[in-house]
Amino acid sequence: MCIRDRVSTQSTWDINFSKEQMGFKRFVEAGRVAYINFGEDHGKICVIADVINNNRVLVDGPTLGVSRQVISLRRIALTDFVVKVPKGAKTRTIQNAISEFGLIKKWGETKWGNKVATHAKRSKLNDFERFQVMVLKRQKSYLVNKEVAQASGKKVHKKKTVKKESKQLKPNAINSLTHTHTYYPVSYTHL
């Protein structure tokens, strides 16, 4: 028996798969919408205009605040959206395709877009507003737990309320607050 007989006539490299047969869905291609996760344009979305090599792509986002530039694939994350543009498309073509596709509206409706918007909103809060968010989260959690407990038939724990008594200063305390301390000079002769 010859070695030629044992080897298949079709090489494994001759098999062509379509995009639908592949295991993943997000390909680096012209028109793919990407989220910039590092660098100067962090938090913005852009459109891939051309693939330069395995590590870099040419991106553009005229209506999205991203100038036309070469960017590393490590700095972007691919989204599910693909805008119809030819390879190496000009800025005006990409701008028209973005507005026709309704990219900004579609991005805002996704979970990812909502998370980015929420993160941007919360990063602008001051200390008191962050405190208010914390209190509202506690109240929401309490109400949800209360409803779940009632639905499951468990005993609902009531919130304990503590009566605040007004603190009145006693006469001795008032005297101690108004009492001035005497100053004892220290001699530095022993140093």
C-alpha atoms as a PDB file:
ATOM      1  CA  MET A   1       0.000   0.000   0.000  1.00  0.00           C
ATOM      2  CA  CYS A   2       1.370   3.347  -1.038  1.00  0.00           C
ATOM      3  CA  ILE A   3       1.352   6.508   1.124  1.00  0.00           C
ATOM      4  CA  ARG A   4      -0.542   8.260  -1.666  1.00  0.00           C
ATOM      5  CA  ASP A   5      -3.493   5.929  -1.139  1.00  0.00           C
ATOM      6  CA  ARG A   6      -3.782   6.805   2.570  1.00  0.00           C
ATOM      7  CA  VAL A   7      -3.748  10.576   2.042  1.00  0.00           C
ATOM      8  CA  SER A   8      -7.019  12.216   1.114  1.00  0.00           C
ATOM      9  CA  THR A   9      -7.196  13.750  -2.316  1.00  0.00           C
ATOM     10  CA  GLN A  10      -8.638  16.958  -0.864  1.00  0.00           C
ATOM     11  CA  SER A  11      -6.309  19.013   1.301  1.00  0.00           C
ATOM     12  CA  THR A  12      -7.631  20.582   4.492  1.00  0.00           C
ATOM     13  CA  TRP A  13      -6.491  23.970   3.221  1.00  0.00           C
ATOM     14  CA  ASP A  14      -8.785  23.797   0.217  1.00  0.00           C
ATOM     15  CA  ILE A  15     -11.953  23.974   2.344  1.00  0.00           C
ATOM     16  CA  ASN A  16     -13.665  27.348   2.120  1.00  0.00           C
ATOM     17  CA  PHE A  17     -16.055  28.405   4.853  1.00  0.00           C
ATOM     18  CA  SER A  18     -18.676  31.084   4.496  1.00  0.00           C
ATOM     19  CA  LYS A  19     -19.208  33.647   7.257  1.00  0.00           C
ATOM     20  CA  GLU A  20     -22.365  31.842   8.351  1.00  0.00           C
ATOM     21  CA  GLN A  21     -20.467  28.563   8.890  1.00  0.00           C
ATOM     22  CA  MET A  22     -17.784  30.157  11.070  1.00  0.00           C
ATOM     23  CA  GLY A  23     -18.011  30.012  14.856  1.00  0.00           C
ATOM     24  CA  PHE A  24     -17.734  33.747  15.407  1.00  0.00           C
ATOM     25  CA  LYS A  25     -19.727  36.626  13.978  1.00  0.00           C
ATOM     26  CA  ARG A  26     -17.624  39.783  14.342  1.00  0.00           C
ATOM     27  CA  PHE A  27     -15.039  40.109  11.597  1.00  0.00           C
ATOM     28  CA  VAL A  28     -12.517  42.882  11.033  1.00  0.00           C
ATOM     29  CA  GLU A  29     -13.833  44.286   7.762  1.00  0.00           C
ATOM     30  CA  ALA A  30     -14.593  47.552   6.037  1.00  0.00           C
ATOM     31  CA  GLY A  31     -17.784  48.998   7.483  1.00  0.00           C
ATOM     32  CA  ARG A  32     -17.573  47.219  10.845  1.00  0.00           C
ATOM     33  CA  VAL A  33     -18.478  49.526  13.730  1.00  0.00           C
ATOM     34  CA  ALA A  34     -15.980  49.458  16.598  1.00  0.00           C
ATOM     35  CA  TYR A  35     -15.854  50.864  20.134  1.00  0.00           C
ATOM     36  CA  ILE A  36     -12.585  52.585  21.098  1.00  0.00           C
ATOM     37  CA  ASN A  37     -11.663  51.321  24.556  1.00  0.00           C
ATOM     38  CA  PHE A  38      -8.285  52.999  25.067  1.00  0.00           C
ATOM     39  CA  GLY A  39      -6.526  56.212  24.189  1.00  0.00           C
ATOM     40  CA  GLU A  40      -7.480  59.731  23.253  1.00  0.00           C
ATOM     41  CA  ASP A  41     -10.877  58.806  21.786  1.00  0.00           C
ATOM     42  CA  HIS A  42     -11.832  56.420  24.599  1.00  0.00           C
ATOM     43  CA  GLY A  43     -15.580  55.782  24.794  1.00  0.00           C
ATOM     44  CA  LYS A  44     -16.401  56.723  21.187  1.00  0.00           C
ATOM     45  CA  ILE A  45     -17.544  54.520  18.333  1.00  0.00           C
ATOM     46  CA  CYS A  46     -16.052  54.543  14.840  1.00  0.00           C
ATOM     47  CA  VAL A  47     -16.296  52.738  11.497  1.00  0.00           C
ATOM     48  CA  ILE A  48     -13.451  50.681  10.027  1.00  0.00           C
ATOM     49  CA  ALA A  49     -12.657  52.155   6.600  1.00  0.00           C
ATOM     50  CA  ASP A  50      -9.821  49.806   5.631  1.00  0.00           C
ATOM     51  CA  VAL A  51      -7.708  46.978   7.034  1.00  0.00           C
ATOM     52  CA  ILE A  52      -3.987  47.797   6.858  1.00  0.00           C
ATOM     53  CA  ASN A  53      -2.509  44.593   8.296  1.00  0.00           C
ATOM     54  CA  ASN A  54      -3.154  42.055  11.055  1.00  0.00           C
ATOM     55  CA  ASN A  55      -2.612  44.637  13.786  1.00  0.00           C
ATOM     56  CA  ARG A  56      -3.862  47.977  12.454  1.00  0.00           C
ATOM     57  CA  VAL A  57      -6.931  49.406  10.752  1.00  0.00           C
ATOM     58  CA  LEU A  58      -7.950  52.753   9.298  1.00  0.00           C
ATOM     59  CA  VAL A  59     -10.965  54.110  11.182  1.00  0.00           C
ATOM     60  CA  ASP A  60     -13.202  57.105  10.656  1.00  0.00           C
ATOM     61  CA  GLY A  61     -16.170  58.582  12.467  1.00  0.00           C
ATOM     62  CA  PRO A  62     -16.984  62.036  11.135  1.00  0.00           C
ATOM     63  CA  THR A  63     -20.342  62.376  12.912  1.00  0.00           C
ATOM     64  CA  LEU A  64     -19.135  60.460  15.978  1.00  0.00           C
ATOM     65  CA  GLY A  65     -16.212  62.702  16.935  1.00  0.00           C
ATOM     66  CA  VAL A  66     -13.421  60.428  15.709  1.00  0.00           C
ATOM     67  CA  SER A  67     -11.018  61.790  13.118  1.00  0.00           C
ATOM     68  CA  ARG A  68      -9.699  59.567  10.317  1.00  0.00           C
ATOM     69  CA  GLN A  69      -6.699  57.731  11.742  1.00  0.00           C
ATOM     70  CA  VAL A  70      -4.777  54.480  11.870  1.00  0.00           C
ATOM     71  CA  ILE A  71      -5.487  52.625  15.087  1.00  0.00           C
ATOM     72  CA  SER A  72      -4.284  49.375  16.619  1.00  0.00           C
ATOM     73  CA  LEU A  73      -6.753  46.513  16.910  1.00  0.00           C
ATOM     74  CA  ARG A  74      -5.814  46.253  20.585  1.00  0.00           C
ATOM     75  CA  ARG A  75      -7.428  49.630  21.200  1.00  0.00           C
ATOM     76  CA  ILE A  76     -10.842  48.782  19.725  1.00  0.00           C
ATOM     77  CA  ALA A  77     -13.624  46.284  20.363  1.00  0.00           C
ATOM     78  CA  LEU A  78     -15.784  45.139  17.472  1.00  0.00           C
ATOM     79  CA  THR A  79     -19.558  45.551  17.695  1.00  0.00           C
ATOM     80  CA  ASP A  80     -22.346  43.659  15.925  1.00  0.00           C
ATOM     81  CA  PHE A  81     -23.108  46.545  13.552  1.00  0.00           C
ATOM     82  CA  VAL A  82     -21.849  46.696   9.964  1.00  0.00           C
ATOM     83  CA  VAL A  83     -22.359  49.823   7.851  1.00  0.00           C
ATOM     84  CA  LYS A  84     -22.329  49.313   4.082  1.00  0.00           C
ATOM     85  CA  VAL A  85     -19.234  51.135   2.827  1.00  0.00           C
ATOM     86  CA  PRO A  86     -16.643  50.083   0.247  1.00  0.00           C
ATOM     87  CA  LYS A  87     -13.073  49.315   1.262  1.00  0.00           C
ATOM     88  CA  GLY A  88     -11.081  52.540   1.690  1.00  0.00           C
ATOM     89  CA  ALA A  89     -14.204  54.719   1.664  1.00  0.00           C
ATOM     90  CA  LYS A  90     -13.857  58.484   1.940  1.00  0.00           C
ATOM     91  CA  THR A  91     -15.060  60.444   4.945  1.00  0.00           C
ATOM     92  CA  ARG A  92     -18.127  61.816   3.141  1.00  0.00           C
ATOM     93  CA  THR A  93     -19.199  58.306   2.082  1.00  0.00           C
ATOM     94  CA  ILE A  94     -18.862  57.015   5.654  1.00  0.00           C
ATOM     95  CA  GLN A  95     -20.765  60.025   6.992  1.00  0.00           C
ATOM     96  CA  ASN A  96     -23.677  59.364   4.610  1.00  0.00           C
ATOM     97  CA  ALA A  97     -23.679  55.639   5.433  1.00  0.00           C
ATOM     98  CA  ILE A  98     -23.764  56.341   9.196  1.00  0.00           C
ATOM     99  CA  SER A  99     -26.723  58.703   8.893  1.00  0.00           C
ATOM    100  CA  GLU A 100     -28.557  56.333   6.521  1.00  0.00           C
ATOM    101  CA  PHE A 101     -27.981  53.349   8.835  1.00  0.00           C
ATOM    102  CA  GLY A 102     -29.077  55.312  11.944  1.00  0.00           C
ATOM    103  CA  LEU A 103     -26.026  54.179  13.876  1.00  0.00           C
ATOM    104  CA  ILE A 104     -26.259  56.622  16.780  1.00  0.00           C
ATOM    105  CA  LYS A 105     -29.851  55.628  17.551  1.00  0.00           C
ATOM    106  CA  LYS A 106     -29.124  51.897  17.228  1.00  0.00           C
ATOM    107  CA  TRP A 107     -26.022  52.188  19.430  1.00  0.00           C
ATOM    108  CA  GLY A 108     -28.033  53.993  22.106  1.00  0.00           C
ATOM    109  CA  GLU A 109     -30.599  51.165  22.185  1.00  0.00           C
ATOM    110  CA  THR A 110     -28.043  48.411  22.899  1.00  0.00           C
ATOM    111  CA  LYS A 111     -27.040  47.290  26.399  1.00  0.00           C
ATOM    112  CA  TRP A 112     -23.435  48.184  25.654  1.00  0.00           C
ATOM    113  CA  GLY A 113     -24.381  51.708  24.585  1.00  0.00           C
ATOM    114  CA  ASN A 114     -26.527  52.155  27.698  1.00  0.00           C
ATOM    115  CA  LYS A 115     -23.663  51.038  29.950  1.00  0.00           C
ATOM    116  CA  VAL A 116     -21.268  53.481  28.305  1.00  0.00           C
ATOM    117  CA  ALA A 117     -23.789  56.326  28.675  1.00  0.00           C
ATOM    118  CA  THR A 118     -24.455  55.453  32.320  1.00  0.00           C
ATOM    119  CA  HIS A 119     -20.730  55.304  33.081  1.00  0.00           C
ATOM    120  CA  ALA A 120     -20.168  58.692  31.452  1.00  0.00           C
ATOM    121  CA  LYS A 121     -23.098  60.179  33.373  1.00  0.00           C
ATOM    122  CA  ARG A 122     -21.934  58.809  36.717  1.00  0.00           C
ATOM    123  CA  SER A 123     -18.348  59.939  36.219  1.00  0.00           C
ATOM    124  CA  LYS A 124     -19.629  63.541  36.142  1.00  0.00           C
ATOM    125  CA  LEU A 125     -21.454  63.278  39.498  1.00  0.00           C
ATOM    126  CA  ASN A 126     -20.189  65.125  42.539  1.00  0.00           C
ATOM    127  CA  ASP A 127     -19.909  63.617  46.015  1.00  0.00           C
ATOM    128  CA  PHE A 128     -23.433  64.485  47.149  1.00  0.00           C
ATOM    129  CA  GLU A 129     -25.009  63.128  43.953  1.00  0.00           C
ATOM    130  CA  ARG A 130     -23.085  59.849  44.379  1.00  0.00           C
ATOM    131  CA  PHE A 131     -24.455  59.695  47.936  1.00  0.00           C
ATOM    132  CA  GLN A 132     -27.991  60.215  46.620  1.00  0.00           C
ATOM    133  CA  VAL A 133     -27.498  57.370  44.115  1.00  0.00           C
ATOM    134  CA  MET A 134     -26.320  55.105  46.941  1.00  0.00           C
ATOM    135  CA  VAL A 135     -29.384  55.925  49.074  1.00  0.00           C
ATOM    136  CA  LEU A 136     -31.747  55.362  46.138  1.00  0.00           C
ATOM    137  CA  LYS A 137     -30.118  51.991  45.404  1.00  0.00           C
ATOM    138  CA  ARG A 138     -30.644  50.980  49.041  1.00  0.00           C
ATOM    139  CA  GLN A 139     -34.289  52.024  48.941  1.00  0.00           C
ATOM    140  CA  LYS A 140     -34.835  50.143  45.692  1.00  0.00           C
ATOM    141  CA  SER A 141     -33.169  47.024  47.105  1.00  0.00           C
ATOM    142  CA  TYR A 142     -35.325  47.200  50.237  1.00  0.00           C
ATOM    143  CA  LEU A 143     -38.540  47.502  48.219  1.00  0.00           C
ATOM    144  CA  VAL A 144     -37.575  44.645  45.887  1.00  0.00           C
ATOM    145  CA  ASN A 145     -36.679  42.369  48.808  1.00  0.00           C
ATOM    146  CA  LYS A 146     -39.947  43.292  50.523  1.00  0.00           C
ATOM    147  CA  GLU A 147     -41.982  42.359  47.430  1.00  0.00           C
ATOM    148  CA  VAL A 148     -40.079  39.085  46.971  1.00  0.00           C
ATOM    149  CA  ALA A 149     -40.626  38.182  50.624  1.00  0.00           C
ATOM    150  CA  GLN A 150     -44.347  38.923  50.382  1.00  0.00           C
ATOM    151  CA  ALA A 151     -44.659  36.894  47.175  1.00  0.00           C
ATOM    152  CA  SER A 152     -42.898  33.889  48.693  1.00  0.00           C
ATOM    153  CA  GLY A 153     -44.922  34.091  51.919  1.00  0.00           C
ATOM    154  CA  LYS A 154     -41.985  34.843  54.208  1.00  0.00           C
ATOM    155  CA  LYS A 155     -42.187  37.191  57.140  1.00  0.00           C
ATOM    156  CA  VAL A 156     -41.373  40.760  56.215  1.00  0.00           C
ATOM    157  CA  HIS A 157     -38.975  42.550  58.504  1.00  0.00           C
ATOM    158  CA  LYS A 158     -39.948  46.092  59.265  1.00  0.00           C
ATOM    159  CA  LYS A 159     -37.400  48.821  59.266  1.00  0.00           C
ATOM    160  CA  LYS A 160     -36.361  49.801  62.726  1.00  0.00           C
ATOM    161  CA  THR A 161     -36.898  53.446  63.380  1.00  0.00           C
ATOM    162  CA  VAL A 162     -34.901  55.095  66.100  1.00  0.00           C
ATOM    163  CA  LYS A 163     -36.373  58.091  67.815  1.00  0.00           C
ATOM    164  CA  LYS A 164     -33.852  60.832  67.893  1.00  0.00           C
ATOM    165  CA  GLU A 165     -33.812  62.714  71.127  1.00  0.00           C
ATOM    166  CA  SER A 166     -32.659  66.267  71.106  1.00  0.00           C
ATOM    167  CA  LYS A 167     -29.375  66.499  72.910  1.00  0.00           C
ATOM    168  CA  GLN A 168     -29.361  69.286  75.432  1.00  0.00           C
ATOM    169  CA  LEU A 169     -26.153  70.365  77.040  1.00  0.00           C
ATOM    170  CA  LYS A 170     -25.980  70.095  80.761  1.00  0.00           C
ATOM    171  CA  PRO A 171     -24.707  73.060  82.760  1.00  0.00           C
ATOM    172  CA  ASN A 172     -21.370  71.310  83.433  1.00  0.00           C
ATOM    173  CA  ALA A 173     -20.908  70.653  79.725  1.00  0.00           C
ATOM    174  CA  ILE A 174     -21.577  74.296  78.911  1.00  0.00           C
ATOM    175  CA  ASN A 175     -18.998  75.384  81.459  1.00  0.00           C
ATOM    176  CA  SER A 176     -16.443  72.984  80.022  1.00  0.00           C
ATOM    177  CA  LEU A 177     -16.996  74.371  76.535  1.00  0.00           C
ATOM    178  CA  THR A 178     -16.575  77.985  77.611  1.00  0.00           C
ATOM    179  CA  HIS A 179     -13.713  77.322  80.020  1.00  0.00           C
ATOM    180  CA  THR A 180     -10.420  78.712  78.780  1.00  0.00           C
ATOM    181  CA  HIS A 181      -7.346  76.666  79.338  1.00  0.00           C
ATOM    182  CA  THR A 182      -4.383  78.246  80.990  1.00  0.00           C
ATOM    183  CA  TYR A 183      -1.167  78.432  79.076  1.00  0.00           C
ATOM    184  CA  TYR A 184       1.912  76.993  80.700  1.00  0.00           C
ATOM    185  CA  PRO A 185       5.142  78.217  79.120  1.00  0.00           C
ATOM    186  CA  VAL A 186       7.642  75.497  78.290  1.00  0.00           C
ATOM    187  CA  SER A 187      11.317  76.058  78.927  1.00  0.00           C
ATOM    188  CA  TYR A 188      13.684  74.785  76.300  1.00  0.00           C
ATOM    189  CA  THR A 189      16.797  75.094  78.398  1.00  0.00           C
ATOM    190  CA  HIS A 190      17.207  71.337  78.801  1.00  0.00           C
ATOM    191  CA  LEU A 191      17.597  70.846  75.015  1.00  0.00           C
END
